[in-house]
Amino acid sequence: MQAKLTLRLEEELIEQAKLVAKKSGKSVSQMVADYFLKLTQSSQSVEALPPITSALKGSLPQAVITNDADYHEYLERKYL
């Protein structure tokens, strides 16, 4: 089900969005919907990362730091 969403933006930004929408053959509403969809998909998917970033993800050791004491202990081990 679709619902109406009202956005308050600067007039110049709205005009620019309308021009981009016209060039791409979409409505401003469709562009906003596509953007929101992309936001939700990219937060759930590693594949949304650029290839180089995706290849490097997980290559650094993860330090378990849950509080200040853990952080201080980590720094002591790292620099002493």
PDB file of N, CA and C in Angstrom:
ATOM      1  N   MET A   1       0.834  -1.178   0.000  1.00  0.00           N
ATOM      2  CA  MET A   1       0.000   0.000   0.000  1.00  0.00           C
ATOM      3  C   MET A   1       0.881   1.245   0.000  1.00  0.00           C
ATOM      4  N   GLN A   2       0.556   2.178  -0.822  1.00  0.00           N
ATOM      5  CA  GLN A   2       1.318   3.416  -0.881  1.00  0.00           C
ATOM      6  C   GLN A   2       0.722   4.449   0.057  1.00  0.00           C
ATOM      7  N   ALA A   3       1.576   5.319   0.589  1.00  0.00           N
ATOM      8  CA  ALA A   3       1.140   6.408   1.465  1.00  0.00           C
ATOM      9  C   ALA A   3       1.825   7.686   1.018  1.00  0.00           C
ATOM     10  N   LYS A   4       1.257   8.791   1.357  1.00  0.00           N
ATOM     11  CA  LYS A   4       1.795  10.085   0.982  1.00  0.00           C
ATOM     12  C   LYS A   4       2.839  10.540   2.002  1.00  0.00           C
ATOM     13  N   LEU A   5       3.937  11.124   1.512  1.00  0.00           N
ATOM     14  CA  LEU A   5       4.990  11.656   2.365  1.00  0.00           C
ATOM     15  C   LEU A   5       5.252  13.088   1.943  1.00  0.00           C
ATOM     16  N   THR A   6       5.247  14.007   2.882  1.00  0.00           N
ATOM     17  CA  THR A   6       5.515  15.410   2.583  1.00  0.00           C
ATOM     18  C   THR A   6       6.920  15.753   3.052  1.00  0.00           C
ATOM     19  N   LEU A   7       7.713  16.333   2.155  1.00  0.00           N
ATOM     20  CA  LEU A   7       9.070  16.755   2.488  1.00  0.00           C
ATOM     21  C   LEU A   7       9.170  18.268   2.365  1.00  0.00           C
ATOM     22  N   ARG A   8       9.895  18.879   3.251  1.00  0.00           N
ATOM     23  CA  ARG A   8      10.138  20.319   3.169  1.00  0.00           C
ATOM     24  C   ARG A   8      11.609  20.508   2.809  1.00  0.00           C
ATOM     25  N   LEU A   9      11.830  21.069   1.611  1.00  0.00           N
ATOM     26  CA  LEU A   9      13.176  21.265   1.097  1.00  0.00           C
ATOM     27  C   LEU A   9      13.300  22.661   0.510  1.00  0.00           C
ATOM     28  N   GLU A  10      14.526  23.096   0.334  1.00  0.00           N
ATOM     29  CA  GLU A  10      14.768  24.372  -0.326  1.00  0.00           C
ATOM     30  C   GLU A  10      14.245  24.304  -1.762  1.00  0.00           C
ATOM     31  N   GLU A  11      13.669  25.415  -2.239  1.00  0.00           N
ATOM     32  CA  GLU A  11      13.089  25.445  -3.586  1.00  0.00           C
ATOM     33  C   GLU A  11      14.113  25.069  -4.657  1.00  0.00           C
ATOM     34  N   GLU A  12      15.330  25.550  -4.498  1.00  0.00           N
ATOM     35  CA  GLU A  12      16.369  25.260  -5.489  1.00  0.00           C
ATOM     36  C   GLU A  12      16.659  23.757  -5.560  1.00  0.00           C
ATOM     37  N   LEU A  13      16.680  23.105  -4.417  1.00  0.00           N
ATOM     38  CA  LEU A  13      16.912  21.673  -4.372  1.00  0.00           C
ATOM     39  C   LEU A  13      15.762  20.911  -5.047  1.00  0.00           C
ATOM     40  N   ILE A  14      14.545  21.378  -4.824  1.00  0.00           N
ATOM     41  CA  ILE A  14      13.389  20.743  -5.455  1.00  0.00           C
ATOM     42  C   ILE A  14      13.478  20.877  -6.972  1.00  0.00           C
ATOM     43  N   GLU A  15      13.822  22.052  -7.446  1.00  0.00           N
ATOM     44  CA  GLU A  15      13.940  22.264  -8.895  1.00  0.00           C
ATOM     45  C   GLU A  15      15.040  21.385  -9.492  1.00  0.00           C
ATOM     46  N   GLN A  16      16.154  21.271  -8.791  1.00  0.00           N
ATOM     47  CA  GLN A  16      17.236  20.398  -9.270  1.00  0.00           C
ATOM     48  C   GLN A  16      16.779  18.949  -9.308  1.00  0.00           C
ATOM     49  N   ALA A  17      16.039  18.520  -8.291  1.00  0.00           N
ATOM     50  CA  ALA A  17      15.532  17.150  -8.250  1.00  0.00           C
ATOM     51  C   ALA A  17      14.571  16.899  -9.409  1.00  0.00           C
ATOM     52  N   LYS A  18      13.729  17.878  -9.718  1.00  0.00           N
ATOM     53  CA  LYS A  18      12.791  17.740 -10.837  1.00  0.00           C
ATOM     54  C   LYS A  18      13.540  17.614 -12.160  1.00  0.00           C
ATOM     55  N   LEU A  19      14.620  18.383 -12.322  1.00  0.00           N
ATOM     56  CA  LEU A  19      15.414  18.295 -13.554  1.00  0.00           C
ATOM     57  C   LEU A  19      16.070  16.923 -13.700  1.00  0.00           C
ATOM     58  N   VAL A  20      16.637  16.427 -12.613  1.00  0.00           N
ATOM     59  CA  VAL A  20      17.271  15.107 -12.632  1.00  0.00           C
ATOM     60  C   VAL A  20      16.229  14.037 -12.919  1.00  0.00           C
ATOM     61  N   ALA A  21      15.067  14.167 -12.307  1.00  0.00           N
ATOM     62  CA  ALA A  21      13.992  13.194 -12.527  1.00  0.00           C
ATOM     63  C   ALA A  21      13.557  13.190 -13.988  1.00  0.00           C
ATOM     64  N   LYS A  22      13.410  14.364 -14.547  1.00  0.00           N
ATOM     65  CA  LYS A  22      12.989  14.474 -15.951  1.00  0.00           C
ATOM     66  C   LYS A  22      14.022  13.839 -16.872  1.00  0.00           C
ATOM     67  N   LYS A  23      15.305  14.085 -16.619  1.00  0.00           N
ATOM     68  CA  LYS A  23      16.376  13.521 -17.448  1.00  0.00           C
ATOM     69  C   LYS A  23      16.413  11.999 -17.356  1.00  0.00           C
ATOM     70  N   SER A  24      16.075  11.468 -16.166  1.00  0.00           N
ATOM     71  CA  SER A  24      16.135  10.020 -15.980  1.00  0.00           C
ATOM     72  C   SER A  24      14.816   9.326 -16.309  1.00  0.00           C
ATOM     73  N   GLY A  25      13.786  10.110 -16.645  1.00  0.00           N
ATOM     74  CA  GLY A  25      12.504   9.530 -17.001  1.00  0.00           C
ATOM     75  C   GLY A  25      11.740   8.989 -15.804  1.00  0.00           C
ATOM     76  N   LYS A  26      11.992   9.548 -14.648  1.00  0.00           N
ATOM     77  CA  LYS A  26      11.316   9.110 -13.424  1.00  0.00           C
ATOM     78  C   LYS A  26      10.645  10.308 -12.774  1.00  0.00           C
ATOM     79  N   SER A  27       9.766  10.024 -11.835  1.00  0.00           N
ATOM     80  CA  SER A  27       9.195  11.086 -11.011  1.00  0.00           C
ATOM     81  C   SER A  27      10.112  11.311  -9.814  1.00  0.00           C
ATOM     82  N   VAL A  28       9.964  12.451  -9.186  1.00  0.00           N
ATOM     83  CA  VAL A  28      10.737  12.719  -7.971  1.00  0.00           C
ATOM     84  C   VAL A  28      10.364  11.690  -6.903  1.00  0.00           C
ATOM     85  N   SER A  29       9.094  11.337  -6.833  1.00  0.00           N
ATOM     86  CA  SER A  29       8.656  10.323  -5.865  1.00  0.00           C
ATOM     87  C   SER A  29       9.367   8.997  -6.097  1.00  0.00           C
ATOM     88  N   GLN A  30       9.496   8.607  -7.372  1.00  0.00           N
ATOM     89  CA  GLN A  30      10.164   7.342  -7.671  1.00  0.00           C
ATOM     90  C   GLN A  30      11.647   7.411  -7.315  1.00  0.00           C
ATOM     91  N   MET A  31      12.272   8.572  -7.553  1.00  0.00           N
ATOM     92  CA  MET A  31      13.689   8.719  -7.186  1.00  0.00           C
ATOM     93  C   MET A  31      13.868   8.597  -5.676  1.00  0.00           C
ATOM     94  N   VAL A  32      12.974   9.212  -4.903  1.00  0.00           N
ATOM     95  CA  VAL A  32      13.057   9.133  -3.439  1.00  0.00           C
ATOM     96  C   VAL A  32      12.833   7.692  -2.987  1.00  0.00           C
ATOM     97  N   ALA A  33      11.847   7.020  -3.580  1.00  0.00           N
ATOM     98  CA  ALA A  33      11.579   5.626  -3.222  1.00  0.00           C
ATOM     99  C   ALA A  33      12.782   4.750  -3.547  1.00  0.00           C
ATOM    100  N   ASP A  34      13.396   4.971  -4.722  1.00  0.00           N
ATOM    101  CA  ASP A  34      14.588   4.202  -5.101  1.00  0.00           C
ATOM    102  C   ASP A  34      15.723   4.444  -4.113  1.00  0.00           C
ATOM    103  N   TYR A  35      15.889   5.699  -3.683  1.00  0.00           N
ATOM    104  CA  TYR A  35      16.951   6.045  -2.734  1.00  0.00           C
ATOM    105  C   TYR A  35      16.717   5.347  -1.387  1.00  0.00           C
ATOM    106  N   PHE A  36      15.489   5.404  -0.892  1.00  0.00           N
ATOM    107  CA  PHE A  36      15.173   4.744   0.383  1.00  0.00           C
ATOM    108  C   PHE A  36      15.397   3.239   0.285  1.00  0.00           C
ATOM    109  N   LEU A  37      15.012   2.658  -0.840  1.00  0.00           N
ATOM    110  CA  LEU A  37      15.207   1.227  -1.040  1.00  0.00           C
ATOM    111  C   LEU A  37      16.696   0.887  -1.042  1.00  0.00           C
ATOM    112  N   LYS A  38      17.480   1.723  -1.709  1.00  0.00           N
ATOM    113  CA  LYS A  38      18.926   1.497  -1.763  1.00  0.00           C
ATOM    114  C   LYS A  38      19.543   1.608  -0.362  1.00  0.00           C
ATOM    115  N   LEU A  39      19.063   2.552   0.429  1.00  0.00           N
ATOM    116  CA  LEU A  39      19.570   2.702   1.799  1.00  0.00           C
ATOM    117  C   LEU A  39      19.332   1.446   2.614  1.00  0.00           C
ATOM    118  N   THR A  40      18.137   0.897   2.528  1.00  0.00           N
ATOM    119  CA  THR A  40      17.825  -0.281   3.329  1.00  0.00           C
ATOM    120  C   THR A  40      18.559  -1.506   2.822  1.00  0.00           C
ATOM    121  N   GLN A  41      18.776  -1.606   1.526  1.00  0.00           N
ATOM    122  CA  GLN A  41      19.488  -2.755   0.981  1.00  0.00           C
ATOM    123  C   GLN A  41      20.974  -2.684   1.288  1.00  0.00           C
ATOM    124  N   SER A  42      21.564  -1.477   1.217  1.00  0.00           N
ATOM    125  CA  SER A  42      23.004  -1.361   1.429  1.00  0.00           C
ATOM    126  C   SER A  42      23.372  -1.611   2.882  1.00  0.00           C
ATOM    127  N   SER A  43      22.464  -1.330   3.813  1.00  0.00           N
ATOM    128  CA  SER A  43      22.782  -1.585   5.211  1.00  0.00           C
ATOM    129  C   SER A  43      22.708  -3.075   5.538  1.00  0.00           C
ATOM    130  N   GLN A  44      22.085  -3.861   4.676  1.00  0.00           N
ATOM    131  CA  GLN A  44      21.941  -5.286   4.912  1.00  0.00           C
ATOM    132  C   GLN A  44      22.876  -6.119   4.057  1.00  0.00           C
ATOM    133  N   SER A  45      23.553  -5.507   3.105  1.00  0.00           N
ATOM    134  CA  SER A  45      24.300  -6.286   2.125  1.00  0.00           C
ATOM    135  C   SER A  45      25.752  -5.823   2.023  1.00  0.00           C
ATOM    136  N   VAL A  46      26.676  -6.766   2.096  1.00  0.00           N
ATOM    137  CA  VAL A  46      28.089  -6.458   1.906  1.00  0.00           C
ATOM    138  C   VAL A  46      28.355  -6.188   0.428  1.00  0.00           C
ATOM    139  N   GLU A  47      27.546  -6.763  -0.439  1.00  0.00           N
ATOM    140  CA  GLU A  47      27.730  -6.607  -1.872  1.00  0.00           C
ATOM    141  C   GLU A  47      27.566  -5.165  -2.319  1.00  0.00           C
ATOM    142  N   ALA A  48      26.936  -4.308  -1.493  1.00  0.00           N
ATOM    143  CA  ALA A  48      26.752  -2.914  -1.842  1.00  0.00           C
ATOM    144  C   ALA A  48      28.065  -2.145  -1.724  1.00  0.00           C
ATOM    145  N   LEU A  49      29.060  -2.713  -1.063  1.00  0.00           N
ATOM    146  CA  LEU A  49      30.352  -2.050  -0.928  1.00  0.00           C
ATOM    147  C   LEU A  49      31.108  -2.100  -2.245  1.00  0.00           C
ATOM    148  N   PRO A  50      31.958  -1.118  -2.505  1.00  0.00           N
ATOM    149  CA  PRO A  50      32.812  -1.192  -3.689  1.00  0.00           C
ATOM    150  C   PRO A  50      33.689  -2.449  -3.620  1.00  0.00           C
ATOM    151  N   PRO A  51      34.088  -2.992  -4.761  1.00  0.00           N
ATOM    152  CA  PRO A  51      34.836  -4.254  -4.770  1.00  0.00           C
ATOM    153  C   PRO A  51      36.086  -4.258  -3.895  1.00  0.00           C
ATOM    154  N   ILE A  52      36.845  -3.190  -3.914  1.00  0.00           N
ATOM    155  CA  ILE A  52      38.084  -3.142  -3.119  1.00  0.00           C
ATOM    156  C   ILE A  52      37.752  -3.172  -1.632  1.00  0.00           C
ATOM    157  N   THR A  53      36.769  -2.377  -1.223  1.00  0.00           N
ATOM    158  CA  THR A  53      36.367  -2.349   0.178  1.00  0.00           C
ATOM    159  C   THR A  53      35.825  -3.702   0.610  1.00  0.00           C
ATOM    160  N   SER A  54      35.024  -4.292  -0.242  1.00  0.00           N
ATOM    161  CA  SER A  54      34.461  -5.604   0.067  1.00  0.00           C
ATOM    162  C   SER A  54      35.561  -6.646   0.239  1.00  0.00           C
ATOM    163  N   ALA A  55      36.599  -6.580  -0.599  1.00  0.00           N
ATOM    164  CA  ALA A  55      37.703  -7.530  -0.520  1.00  0.00           C
ATOM    165  C   ALA A  55      38.499  -7.355   0.775  1.00  0.00           C
ATOM    166  N   LEU A  56      38.579  -6.131   1.288  1.00  0.00           N
ATOM    167  CA  LEU A  56      39.357  -5.854   2.492  1.00  0.00           C
ATOM    168  C   LEU A  56      38.564  -6.082   3.780  1.00  0.00           C
ATOM    169  N   LYS A  57      37.253  -6.142   3.665  1.00  0.00           N
ATOM    170  CA  LYS A  57      36.422  -6.292   4.865  1.00  0.00           C
ATOM    171  C   LYS A  57      36.784  -7.572   5.611  1.00  0.00           C
ATOM    172  N   GLY A  58      37.043  -7.423   6.902  1.00  0.00           N
ATOM    173  CA  GLY A  58      37.367  -8.564   7.736  1.00  0.00           C
ATOM    174  C   GLY A  58      38.840  -8.913   7.774  1.00  0.00           C
ATOM    175  N   SER A  59      39.677  -8.179   7.040  1.00  0.00           N
ATOM    176  CA  SER A  59      41.100  -8.519   7.006  1.00  0.00           C
ATOM    177  C   SER A  59      41.859  -8.038   8.239  1.00  0.00           C
ATOM    178  N   LEU A  60      41.322  -7.076   8.960  1.00  0.00           N
ATOM    179  CA  LEU A  60      41.975  -6.596  10.178  1.00  0.00           C
ATOM    180  C   LEU A  60      41.487  -7.394  11.377  1.00  0.00           C
ATOM    181  N   PRO A  61      42.372  -7.652  12.328  1.00  0.00           N
ATOM    182  CA  PRO A  61      41.920  -8.374  13.519  1.00  0.00           C
ATOM    183  C   PRO A  61      40.944  -7.502  14.306  1.00  0.00           C
ATOM    184  N   GLN A  62      39.927  -8.109  14.830  1.00  0.00           N
ATOM    185  CA  GLN A  62      38.943  -7.363  15.596  1.00  0.00           C
ATOM    186  C   GLN A  62      39.290  -7.420  17.074  1.00  0.00           C
ATOM    187  N   ALA A  63      39.373  -6.256  17.663  1.00  0.00           N
ATOM    188  CA  ALA A  63      39.604  -6.184  19.104  1.00  0.00           C
ATOM    189  C   ALA A  63      38.244  -6.126  19.785  1.00  0.00           C
ATOM    190  N   VAL A  64      38.088  -6.888  20.832  1.00  0.00           N
ATOM    191  CA  VAL A  64      36.826  -6.881  21.563  1.00  0.00           C
ATOM    192  C   VAL A  64      36.903  -5.776  22.600  1.00  0.00           C
ATOM    193  N   ILE A  65      36.269  -4.672  22.297  1.00  0.00           N
ATOM    194  CA  ILE A  65      36.283  -3.514  23.188  1.00  0.00           C
ATOM    195  C   ILE A  65      34.840  -3.185  23.519  1.00  0.00           C
ATOM    196  N   THR A  66      34.467  -3.437  24.758  1.00  0.00           N
ATOM    197  CA  THR A  66      33.088  -3.192  25.161  1.00  0.00           C
ATOM    198  C   THR A  66      32.955  -2.068  26.177  1.00  0.00           C
ATOM    199  N   ASN A  67      34.098  -1.637  26.756  1.00  0.00           N
ATOM    200  CA  ASN A  67      34.038  -0.543  27.723  1.00  0.00           C
ATOM    201  C   ASN A  67      35.399   0.144  27.777  1.00  0.00           C
ATOM    202  N   ASP A  68      35.526   1.157  28.616  1.00  0.00           N
ATOM    203  CA  ASP A  68      36.775   1.925  28.710  1.00  0.00           C
ATOM    204  C   ASP A  68      37.937   1.073  29.192  1.00  0.00           C
ATOM    205  N   ALA A  69      37.676   0.171  30.119  1.00  0.00           N
ATOM    206  CA  ALA A  69      38.754  -0.673  30.649  1.00  0.00           C
ATOM    207  C   ALA A  69      39.328  -1.556  29.543  1.00  0.00           C
ATOM    208  N   ASP A  70      38.461  -2.131  28.712  1.00  0.00           N
ATOM    209  CA  ASP A  70      38.931  -2.941  27.585  1.00  0.00           C
ATOM    210  C   ASP A  70      39.765  -2.108  26.621  1.00  0.00           C
ATOM    211  N   TYR A  71      39.337  -0.878  26.396  1.00  0.00           N
ATOM    212  CA  TYR A  71      40.056   0.008  25.483  1.00  0.00           C
ATOM    213  C   TYR A  71      41.438   0.345  26.029  1.00  0.00           C
ATOM    214  N   HIS A  72      41.517   0.650  27.313  1.00  0.00           N
ATOM    215  CA  HIS A  72      42.813   0.958  27.927  1.00  0.00           C
ATOM    216  C   HIS A  72      43.734  -0.261  27.877  1.00  0.00           C
ATOM    217  N   GLU A  73      43.189  -1.440  28.135  1.00  0.00           N
ATOM    218  CA  GLU A  73      43.976  -2.668  28.058  1.00  0.00           C
ATOM    219  C   GLU A  73      44.485  -2.897  26.638  1.00  0.00           C
ATOM    220  N   TYR A  74      43.630  -2.645  25.661  1.00  0.00           N
ATOM    221  CA  TYR A  74      44.021  -2.783  24.260  1.00  0.00           C
ATOM    222  C   TYR A  74      45.179  -1.842  23.930  1.00  0.00           C
ATOM    223  N   LEU A  75      45.080  -0.589  24.373  1.00  0.00           N
ATOM    224  CA  LEU A  75      46.132   0.376  24.094  1.00  0.00           C
ATOM    225  C   LEU A  75      47.441   0.000  24.778  1.00  0.00           C
ATOM    226  N   GLU A  76      47.364  -0.508  26.008  1.00  0.00           N
ATOM    227  CA  GLU A  76      48.561  -0.929  26.726  1.00  0.00           C
ATOM    228  C   GLU A  76      49.260  -2.066  25.981  1.00  0.00           C
ATOM    229  N   ARG A  77      48.490  -3.036  25.539  1.00  0.00           N
ATOM    230  CA  ARG A  77      49.091  -4.168  24.785  1.00  0.00           C
ATOM    231  C   ARG A  77      49.695  -3.665  23.467  1.00  0.00           C
ATOM    232  N   LYS A  78      49.018  -2.719  22.849  1.00  0.00           N
ATOM    233  CA  LYS A  78      49.463  -2.251  21.541  1.00  0.00           C
ATOM    234  C   LYS A  78      50.758  -1.437  21.647  1.00  0.00           C
ATOM    235  N   TYR A  79      50.870  -0.583  22.651  1.00  0.00           N
ATOM    236  CA  TYR A  79      51.992   0.337  22.719  1.00  0.00           C
ATOM    237  C   TYR A  79      53.070   0.003  23.741  1.00  0.00           C
ATOM    238  N   LEU A  80      52.901  -1.045  24.520  1.00  0.00           N
ATOM    239  CA  LEU A  80      53.929  -1.407  25.501  1.00  0.00           C
ATOM    240  C   LEU A  80      54.700  -2.626  25.061  1.00  0.00           C
TER     241      LEU A  80
END
